[in-house]
Amino acid sequence: MTSPAAVPAPAVKGPGFPEFVALIAMMMALNALAIDAMLPALPAIGDALGVVEENSRQWVITAYLLGFGVAQIIYGPLADRYGRKPVLMAGLSLYVLFSVLAAFAPTFDLLIAARVGTGLGAAALRVLAVSIVRDRYSGRTMARVMSLSFLVFLGIPIIAPTLGQLVLTVAPWPWIFGVLAVAGGAFMLWAAIRLPETLHPENRMPIQVGRIAGAFREAVTHRQAIGYTLAMTCITGALFGFINSSQQIFFDVFEAPQLFTTVFAMVAAGIAVASLLNARLVERLGSRLISHAALLGFIVMAVIHSAVALSGHETIWTFAVLQGLTMFCFGLIAGNFGSMAMEPMGHIAGTASSAQGFISTTAGSTLGFLIGQQFNGSVAPMALGMAVMGLSALGFVLVAERGRLFKARHLEPAPVKA
């Protein structure tokens, strides 16, 4: 008899498995597009809006991430009360509106405010993606769906900087925000037509302060849930540290802006390949074996990269190889950590996803911003920051698993004999 953790929930009327994965993937992809398409435009934005300090341009990324992280704490309870689809439509509307406002922002301060607003809308996509998947699947099947969705999501960083660069060759930088608005509007139409409501009526919960507080308390005190949430926070911080630093590294350290989109795509491709590999192996090997081994690999690669950078032997090609291997490990970690954090939270999926997203994105973007702000004309601050984040994540995993790696703490329930 198959383990209950691996059995999909009762079928929900709507798109088949491939289209369902594609819908979830596009929810995630809109977030990645809003981050990575900006990177080639940061110098142009800074020049146009009078931003003299190069590190200050990182606020274009961080402002979006902070809005994206903070708002997640709101969407979960709303999704548990009113259903997934109405909340998704509201979030997409904000995403489109503030992307248009960013395109017309006359000052850097107003642009940053619009980026916060875009993040506020995009937060619904993150919360609803996880909640909708959890409504339909659990266990290793959920991990497979998340990994396949993550694969498409990770295809966006491969093409997003190139897309941003292409826009800049034919139009001014505000048109990048116009692309976001068009993409958000197109996905809104697709979801409105094809995505059904996945929250069963009997699972709707009233908005009661005591109940919400209790659900949040459970989400942040359950050892496995909070342990993997904090581990994911550290890994997310490492990723955002790389994203915040990458444009300056290629323009200032390597003085090779023409290679930025190519090498960035190579690094992002490592994450995508890892996610595809994870999707093929996770149901056979399990989330813990894959993600724990990958976390150790992440730490080793980040430490080696730090040593190379500090020794003065860094080149654009050592950067590409070492960062690519580090991000390959990231691709084997992210989907699994997310699914293991959510696994015990099925009964409060919306609220739990909200709490976990709030913690991992808000704290992760802050950590990534701090790493980016240490940029001093070398790769060393970024590489060291990633090593510290990896070691911190390992500590939280050990807490979640009571010091045990690679295997679950408890055996799955034995099959029930007829």
Protein backbone atom coordinates (compact mmCIF):
# COMPACT_ATOMS: atom_id res chain seq x y z
CA MET A 1 0.00 0.00 0.00
CA THR A 2 1.35 3.42 -0.93
CA SER A 3 2.26 5.78 1.87
CA PRO A 4 -0.40 8.45 2.53
CA ALA A 5 2.26 11.16 2.15
CA ALA A 6 2.76 10.21 -1.48
CA VAL A 7 -0.91 10.02 -2.53
CA PRO A 8 -2.29 13.09 -4.31
CA ALA A 9 -5.35 14.76 -2.83
CA PRO A 10 -8.68 14.11 -4.57
CA ALA A 11 -8.68 15.51 -8.07
CA VAL A 12 -9.84 19.08 -8.51
CA LYS A 13 -11.66 20.00 -11.70
CA GLY A 14 -9.43 22.12 -13.86
CA PRO A 15 -6.25 21.88 -15.93
CA GLY A 16 -4.34 18.63 -16.28
CA PHE A 17 -1.01 18.03 -14.59
CA PRO A 18 1.21 19.68 -17.27
CA GLU A 19 -0.92 22.84 -17.47
CA PHE A 20 -1.26 22.97 -13.69
CA VAL A 21 2.53 22.87 -13.34
CA ALA A 22 2.82 25.57 -16.01
CA LEU A 23 0.35 27.83 -14.17
CA ILE A 24 2.23 27.47 -10.89
CA ALA A 25 5.53 27.99 -12.67
CA MET A 26 4.33 31.23 -14.25
CA MET A 27 3.24 32.54 -10.85
CA MET A 28 6.83 32.08 -9.75
CA ALA A 29 8.27 33.31 -13.05
CA LEU A 30 6.59 36.72 -12.78
CA ASN A 31 8.52 37.24 -9.55
CA ALA A 32 11.84 36.29 -11.15
CA LEU A 33 11.14 38.51 -14.15
CA ALA A 34 10.51 41.50 -11.87
CA ILE A 35 13.93 40.99 -10.27
CA ASP A 36 16.33 39.86 -12.96
CA ALA A 37 15.12 41.90 -15.95
CA MET A 38 16.18 45.00 -13.98
CA LEU A 39 19.84 44.08 -13.64
CA PRO A 40 21.22 45.36 -16.98
CA ALA A 41 19.20 48.57 -16.54
CA LEU A 42 20.58 49.59 -13.13
CA PRO A 43 23.30 51.90 -14.54
CA ALA A 44 20.80 53.54 -16.92
CA ILE A 45 18.25 53.98 -14.14
CA GLY A 46 20.90 55.46 -11.86
CA ASP A 47 22.10 57.87 -14.53
CA ALA A 48 18.58 58.95 -15.51
CA LEU A 49 17.38 59.53 -11.95
CA GLY A 50 20.57 60.99 -10.50
CA VAL A 51 21.74 58.10 -8.30
CA VAL A 52 25.45 58.72 -7.80
CA GLU A 53 26.34 55.94 -5.34
CA GLU A 54 26.40 52.64 -7.27
CA ASN A 55 25.51 50.50 -4.25
CA SER A 56 22.34 52.60 -3.80
CA ARG A 57 21.03 51.30 -7.12
CA GLN A 58 20.57 47.93 -5.42
CA TRP A 59 17.42 49.43 -3.84
CA VAL A 60 15.63 48.80 -7.16
CA ILE A 61 15.93 45.09 -6.35
CA THR A 62 15.67 45.21 -2.56
CA ALA A 63 12.60 47.51 -2.45
CA TYR A 64 10.67 45.00 -4.56
CA LEU A 65 11.81 42.11 -2.36
CA LEU A 66 10.83 43.89 0.86
CA GLY A 67 7.32 44.62 -0.43
CA PHE A 68 7.15 41.05 -1.70
CA GLY A 69 8.16 39.66 1.68
CA VAL A 70 6.12 41.86 4.02
CA ALA A 71 2.79 41.44 2.20
CA GLN A 72 2.90 37.65 2.33
CA ILE A 73 1.81 37.76 5.94
CA ILE A 74 -1.52 39.23 4.78
CA TYR A 75 -2.38 37.06 1.81
CA GLY A 76 -2.40 33.70 3.61
CA PRO A 77 -5.34 34.44 5.96
CA LEU A 78 -7.22 36.15 3.10
CA ALA A 79 -6.70 33.10 0.88
CA ASP A 80 -7.89 30.76 3.65
CA ARG A 81 -11.05 32.86 4.08
CA TYR A 82 -12.04 33.99 0.59
CA GLY A 83 -10.39 31.32 -1.53
CA ARG A 84 -7.27 31.21 -3.64
CA LYS A 85 -8.50 32.67 -6.92
CA PRO A 86 -9.99 36.04 -5.78
CA VAL A 87 -6.84 36.83 -3.79
CA LEU A 88 -4.65 35.87 -6.75
CA MET A 89 -6.57 38.22 -9.05
CA ALA A 90 -6.23 41.08 -6.55
CA GLY A 91 -2.47 40.55 -6.27
CA LEU A 92 -2.03 40.42 -10.05
CA SER A 93 -3.95 43.68 -10.38
CA LEU A 94 -1.52 45.40 -8.01
CA TYR A 95 1.44 43.88 -9.86
CA VAL A 96 0.26 45.33 -13.18
CA LEU A 97 -0.74 48.72 -11.75
CA PHE A 98 2.53 49.41 -9.94
CA SER A 99 4.62 48.15 -12.86
CA VAL A 100 2.94 50.84 -14.98
CA LEU A 101 3.56 53.45 -12.26
CA ALA A 102 7.25 52.45 -12.10
CA ALA A 103 7.55 53.02 -15.83
CA PHE A 104 6.42 56.63 -15.40
CA ALA A 105 8.26 57.41 -12.14
CA PRO A 106 10.01 60.81 -12.46
CA THR A 107 12.31 60.38 -9.43
CA PHE A 108 14.26 57.57 -7.84
CA ASP A 109 12.20 57.81 -4.63
CA LEU A 110 8.94 57.36 -6.55
CA LEU A 111 10.45 54.49 -8.51
CA ILE A 112 11.40 52.77 -5.26
CA ALA A 113 7.86 53.33 -3.92
CA ALA A 114 6.41 51.78 -7.08
CA ARG A 115 8.77 48.84 -6.76
CA VAL A 116 7.55 48.26 -3.21
CA GLY A 117 3.99 48.31 -4.57
CA THR A 118 4.85 45.81 -7.30
CA GLY A 119 6.31 43.54 -4.64
CA LEU A 120 3.14 43.90 -2.55
CA GLY A 121 1.12 42.55 -5.46
CA ALA A 122 3.63 39.84 -6.36
CA ALA A 123 3.51 38.49 -2.80
CA ALA A 124 0.13 36.97 -3.60
CA LEU A 125 1.76 34.90 -6.33
CA ARG A 126 4.24 33.31 -3.95
CA VAL A 127 1.67 32.54 -1.24
CA LEU A 128 -0.95 31.26 -3.66
CA ALA A 129 1.50 29.13 -5.66
CA VAL A 130 2.51 27.15 -2.57
CA SER A 131 -1.03 27.03 -1.16
CA ILE A 132 -2.62 25.85 -4.41
CA VAL A 133 -0.02 23.10 -4.82
CA ARG A 134 -0.54 22.03 -1.19
CA ASP A 135 -4.32 21.96 -1.78
CA ARG A 136 -3.80 19.27 -4.39
CA TYR A 137 -0.64 17.38 -3.44
CA SER A 138 1.54 16.42 -0.48
CA GLY A 139 4.78 14.65 0.32
CA ARG A 140 7.15 13.68 -2.47
CA THR A 141 4.53 14.39 -5.12
CA MET A 142 4.27 17.94 -3.87
CA ALA A 143 8.07 18.18 -3.99
CA ARG A 144 7.98 16.97 -7.61
CA VAL A 145 5.37 19.55 -8.60
CA MET A 146 7.31 22.32 -6.86
CA SER A 147 10.55 21.22 -8.49
CA LEU A 148 9.03 21.12 -11.98
CA SER A 149 7.46 24.53 -11.41
CA PHE A 150 10.74 25.80 -10.06
CA LEU A 151 12.43 24.62 -13.25
CA VAL A 152 10.29 26.95 -15.38
CA PHE A 153 10.67 29.69 -12.79
CA LEU A 154 14.43 29.31 -13.03
CA GLY A 155 14.34 29.52 -16.80
CA ILE A 156 13.36 33.16 -16.38
CA PRO A 157 16.68 34.24 -14.78
CA ILE A 158 18.41 32.69 -17.78
CA ILE A 159 16.55 34.92 -20.24
CA ALA A 160 15.41 37.88 -18.07
CA PRO A 161 18.69 39.88 -18.09
CA THR A 162 18.96 39.26 -21.83
CA LEU A 163 15.35 40.40 -22.23
CA GLY A 164 16.12 43.52 -20.23
CA GLN A 165 19.20 44.15 -22.37
CA LEU A 166 17.18 43.69 -25.58
CA VAL A 167 14.60 46.19 -24.37
CA LEU A 168 17.39 48.68 -23.71
CA THR A 169 18.67 48.33 -27.27
CA VAL A 170 15.33 49.41 -28.76
CA ALA A 171 13.71 51.53 -26.04
CA PRO A 172 14.45 53.45 -22.82
CA TRP A 173 14.63 51.62 -19.49
CA PRO A 174 10.99 52.39 -18.46
CA TRP A 175 9.86 49.92 -21.09
CA ILE A 176 11.27 47.09 -18.95
CA PHE A 177 8.53 47.86 -16.45
CA GLY A 178 6.07 47.92 -19.34
CA VAL A 179 7.07 44.35 -20.16
CA LEU A 180 6.27 43.37 -16.56
CA ALA A 181 2.82 44.95 -16.85
CA VAL A 182 2.06 43.12 -20.11
CA ALA A 183 3.28 39.77 -18.72
CA GLY A 184 1.21 40.21 -15.55
CA GLY A 185 -1.91 41.09 -17.55
CA ALA A 186 -1.49 38.09 -19.85
CA PHE A 187 -1.10 35.70 -16.94
CA MET A 188 -4.12 37.23 -15.20
CA LEU A 189 -6.25 36.40 -18.24
CA TRP A 190 -4.91 32.82 -18.40
CA ALA A 191 -5.51 32.20 -14.69
CA ALA A 192 -8.99 33.75 -14.81
CA ILE A 193 -10.01 31.35 -17.57
CA ARG A 194 -8.19 28.13 -16.64
CA LEU A 195 -7.38 28.06 -12.93
CA PRO A 196 -10.18 26.72 -10.71
CA GLU A 197 -10.69 27.43 -7.03
CA THR A 198 -8.70 24.75 -5.17
CA LEU A 199 -9.77 25.54 -1.61
CA HIS A 200 -12.68 23.28 -0.65
CA PRO A 201 -15.59 25.15 0.96
CA GLU A 202 -15.33 23.10 4.16
CA ASN A 203 -11.71 24.25 4.58
CA ARG A 204 -12.47 27.97 4.48
CA MET A 205 -11.57 29.65 7.74
CA PRO A 206 -13.04 32.86 9.15
CA ILE A 207 -10.71 35.79 9.75
CA GLN A 208 -10.43 35.62 13.51
CA VAL A 209 -7.48 37.15 15.28
CA GLY A 210 -7.16 34.28 17.73
CA ARG A 211 -7.30 31.59 15.05
CA ILE A 212 -4.84 33.42 12.77
CA ALA A 213 -2.48 34.04 15.67
CA GLY A 214 -2.70 30.36 16.61
CA ALA A 215 -1.98 29.28 13.03
CA PHE A 216 1.00 31.64 12.79
CA ARG A 217 2.24 30.42 16.16
CA GLU A 218 2.04 26.82 14.95
CA ALA A 219 3.87 27.70 11.72
CA VAL A 220 6.75 29.37 13.56
CA THR A 221 7.06 26.90 16.45
CA HIS A 222 6.82 23.54 14.70
CA ARG A 223 10.41 22.31 14.68
CA GLN A 224 10.47 20.98 11.13
CA ALA A 225 8.49 23.87 9.64
CA ILE A 226 10.45 26.71 11.24
CA GLY A 227 13.81 24.93 10.94
CA TYR A 228 13.50 24.54 7.18
CA THR A 229 11.97 28.01 6.85
CA LEU A 230 15.03 29.57 8.51
CA ALA A 231 17.37 27.37 6.49
CA MET A 232 15.60 28.53 3.33
CA THR A 233 15.94 32.12 4.58
CA CYS A 234 19.71 31.76 4.68
CA ILE A 235 19.89 30.15 1.24
CA THR A 236 17.61 32.88 -0.12
CA GLY A 237 19.90 35.49 1.43
CA ALA A 238 22.82 33.94 -0.43
CA LEU A 239 20.91 34.06 -3.72
CA PHE A 240 19.91 37.70 -3.24
CA GLY A 241 23.48 38.56 -2.28
CA PHE A 242 24.58 37.18 -5.64
CA ILE A 243 21.81 39.03 -7.51
CA ASN A 244 22.53 42.34 -5.78
CA SER A 245 26.26 42.09 -6.49
CA SER A 246 26.27 40.56 -9.96
CA GLN A 247 25.89 43.67 -12.12
CA GLN A 248 28.68 45.52 -10.30
CA ILE A 249 30.94 42.45 -10.38
CA PHE A 250 30.74 42.21 -14.17
CA PHE A 251 30.88 45.94 -14.83
CA ASP A 252 33.48 46.96 -12.20
CA VAL A 253 35.54 43.87 -11.26
CA PHE A 254 35.81 42.08 -14.60
CA GLU A 255 35.13 45.16 -16.75
CA ALA A 256 33.17 42.91 -19.10
CA PRO A 257 29.59 44.22 -19.24
CA GLN A 258 29.15 42.55 -22.63
CA LEU A 259 29.49 39.13 -20.94
CA PHE A 260 27.10 39.89 -18.08
CA THR A 261 23.93 38.40 -19.58
CA THR A 262 25.79 35.39 -20.99
CA VAL A 263 27.56 34.35 -17.80
CA PHE A 264 24.53 35.18 -15.66
CA ALA A 265 22.49 32.87 -17.90
CA MET A 266 25.11 30.13 -17.49
CA VAL A 267 24.91 30.41 -13.70
CA ALA A 268 21.11 30.45 -13.73
CA ALA A 269 21.12 27.43 -16.04
CA GLY A 270 22.92 25.50 -13.29
CA ILE A 271 19.92 26.07 -11.02
CA ALA A 272 17.49 25.04 -13.75
CA VAL A 273 19.38 21.81 -14.53
CA ALA A 274 19.50 20.95 -10.84
CA SER A 275 15.75 21.49 -10.48
CA LEU A 276 15.04 19.20 -13.43
CA LEU A 277 17.32 16.56 -11.92
CA ASN A 278 15.59 16.94 -8.58
CA ALA A 279 12.17 16.49 -10.16
CA ARG A 280 13.32 13.19 -11.66
CA LEU A 281 14.95 11.85 -8.49
CA VAL A 282 13.04 13.22 -5.51
CA GLU A 283 10.25 10.64 -5.45
CA ARG A 284 12.85 7.85 -5.53
CA LEU A 285 15.55 9.24 -3.22
CA GLY A 286 13.58 11.60 -1.00
CA SER A 287 13.84 15.30 -0.26
CA ARG A 288 16.21 14.95 2.68
CA LEU A 289 18.92 12.88 1.00
CA ILE A 290 19.05 15.20 -2.01
CA SER A 291 18.80 18.57 -0.25
CA HIS A 292 21.12 17.75 2.65
CA ALA A 293 23.84 16.49 0.31
CA ALA A 294 23.34 19.56 -1.88
CA LEU A 295 23.63 21.89 1.11
CA LEU A 296 27.00 20.39 2.00
CA GLY A 297 28.07 20.85 -1.62
CA PHE A 298 26.86 24.45 -1.54
CA ILE A 299 29.04 25.17 1.50
CA VAL A 300 32.10 23.51 -0.04
CA MET A 301 31.74 25.46 -3.31
CA ALA A 302 31.20 28.77 -1.51
CA VAL A 303 34.27 28.21 0.69
CA ILE A 304 36.43 27.34 -2.33
CA HIS A 305 35.13 30.43 -4.16
CA SER A 306 35.96 32.59 -1.14
CA ALA A 307 39.51 31.23 -1.07
CA VAL A 308 40.01 31.89 -4.79
CA ALA A 309 38.66 35.45 -4.48
CA LEU A 310 40.73 36.26 -1.41
CA SER A 311 43.90 34.87 -2.99
CA GLY A 312 43.55 37.26 -5.94
CA HIS A 313 43.20 34.50 -8.55
CA GLU A 314 39.59 35.24 -9.50
CA THR A 315 38.81 35.54 -13.21
CA ILE A 316 35.51 35.76 -15.01
CA TRP A 317 35.79 32.05 -15.84
CA THR A 318 36.60 30.87 -12.32
CA PHE A 319 33.65 32.99 -11.24
CA ALA A 320 31.37 31.36 -13.83
CA VAL A 321 32.41 27.81 -12.90
CA LEU A 322 32.41 28.17 -9.12
CA GLN A 323 29.25 30.26 -8.98
CA GLY A 324 27.56 27.90 -11.41
CA LEU A 325 28.36 24.90 -9.21
CA THR A 326 27.18 26.75 -6.11
CA MET A 327 23.89 27.64 -7.78
CA PHE A 328 23.52 24.06 -9.04
CA CYS A 329 23.51 23.01 -5.40
CA PHE A 330 20.98 25.77 -4.67
CA GLY A 331 18.66 24.25 -7.27
CA LEU A 332 18.70 20.94 -5.41
CA ILE A 333 17.95 22.68 -2.12
CA ALA A 334 15.23 25.26 -2.66
CA GLY A 335 12.21 23.21 -3.74
CA ASN A 336 12.92 20.48 -1.19
CA PHE A 337 13.37 22.84 1.75
CA GLY A 338 10.13 24.59 0.81
CA SER A 339 8.13 21.38 0.59
CA MET A 340 9.55 20.02 3.86
CA ALA A 341 8.70 23.28 5.62
CA MET A 342 5.11 23.01 4.34
CA GLU A 343 4.63 19.27 4.79
CA PRO A 344 3.31 19.43 8.40
CA MET A 345 1.19 22.52 7.62
CA GLY A 346 -1.44 21.08 5.26
CA HIS A 347 -4.34 21.99 7.56
CA ILE A 348 -3.29 25.67 7.60
CA ALA A 349 -1.59 25.80 4.20
CA GLY A 350 -2.49 29.39 3.33
CA THR A 351 -1.49 30.88 6.67
CA ALA A 352 1.62 28.72 6.95
CA SER A 353 2.75 29.64 3.43
CA SER A 354 2.16 33.27 4.34
CA ALA A 355 4.24 33.08 7.51
CA GLN A 356 7.04 31.13 5.87
CA GLY A 357 7.16 33.42 2.87
CA PHE A 358 7.20 36.49 5.08
CA ILE A 359 10.17 35.19 7.06
CA SER A 360 12.23 33.76 4.22
CA THR A 361 11.75 36.64 1.79
CA THR A 362 11.89 39.60 4.18
CA ALA A 363 14.85 38.30 6.17
CA GLY A 364 16.46 36.76 3.08
CA SER A 365 16.27 40.00 1.09
CA THR A 366 17.69 41.91 4.04
CA LEU A 367 20.59 39.47 4.33
CA GLY A 368 21.15 39.65 0.57
CA PHE A 369 21.11 43.45 0.69
CA LEU A 370 23.69 43.44 3.48
CA ILE A 371 25.90 41.14 1.42
CA GLY A 372 25.48 43.37 -1.63
CA GLN A 373 26.30 46.51 0.35
CA GLN A 374 29.70 45.03 1.25
CA PHE A 375 30.77 45.20 -2.40
CA ASN A 376 34.21 46.77 -2.43
CA GLY A 377 35.46 46.19 -5.94
CA SER A 378 36.09 42.45 -5.51
CA VAL A 379 34.13 39.19 -5.52
CA ALA A 380 35.25 38.27 -1.98
CA PRO A 381 32.36 39.86 0.01
CA MET A 382 29.76 38.02 -2.05
CA ALA A 383 31.54 34.66 -1.88
CA LEU A 384 32.17 34.95 1.86
CA GLY A 385 28.56 35.98 2.42
CA MET A 386 27.34 32.88 0.58
CA ALA A 387 29.62 30.64 2.65
CA VAL A 388 28.30 32.14 5.90
CA MET A 389 24.71 31.72 4.71
CA GLY A 390 25.32 28.08 3.80
CA LEU A 391 26.83 27.27 7.19
CA SER A 392 23.93 29.04 8.93
CA ALA A 393 21.44 27.04 6.88
CA LEU A 394 23.17 23.81 7.92
CA GLY A 395 22.75 24.80 11.56
CA PHE A 396 18.99 25.31 11.12
CA VAL A 397 18.64 21.99 9.28
CA LEU A 398 20.37 20.22 12.16
CA VAL A 399 17.92 21.86 14.55
CA ALA A 400 14.96 20.82 12.39
CA GLU A 401 16.18 17.22 12.20
CA ARG A 402 17.48 17.00 15.78
CA GLY A 403 21.04 16.60 14.55
CA ARG A 404 20.32 13.96 11.94
CA LEU A 405 20.96 14.42 8.22
CA PHE A 406 19.82 12.57 5.09
CA LYS A 407 16.92 10.60 6.58
CA ALA A 408 13.60 11.47 8.19
CA ARG A 409 13.54 11.48 11.97
CA HIS A 410 10.54 9.15 12.04
CA LEU A 411 9.65 6.21 9.89
CA GLU A 412 6.56 6.60 7.71
CA PRO A 413 3.47 4.83 9.04
CA ALA A 414 3.38 1.14 8.26
CA PRO A 415 0.87 0.03 5.62
CA VAL A 416 -2.51 -0.90 7.00
CA LYS A 417 -3.34 -4.53 6.32
CA ALA A 418 -6.75 -5.34 4.91
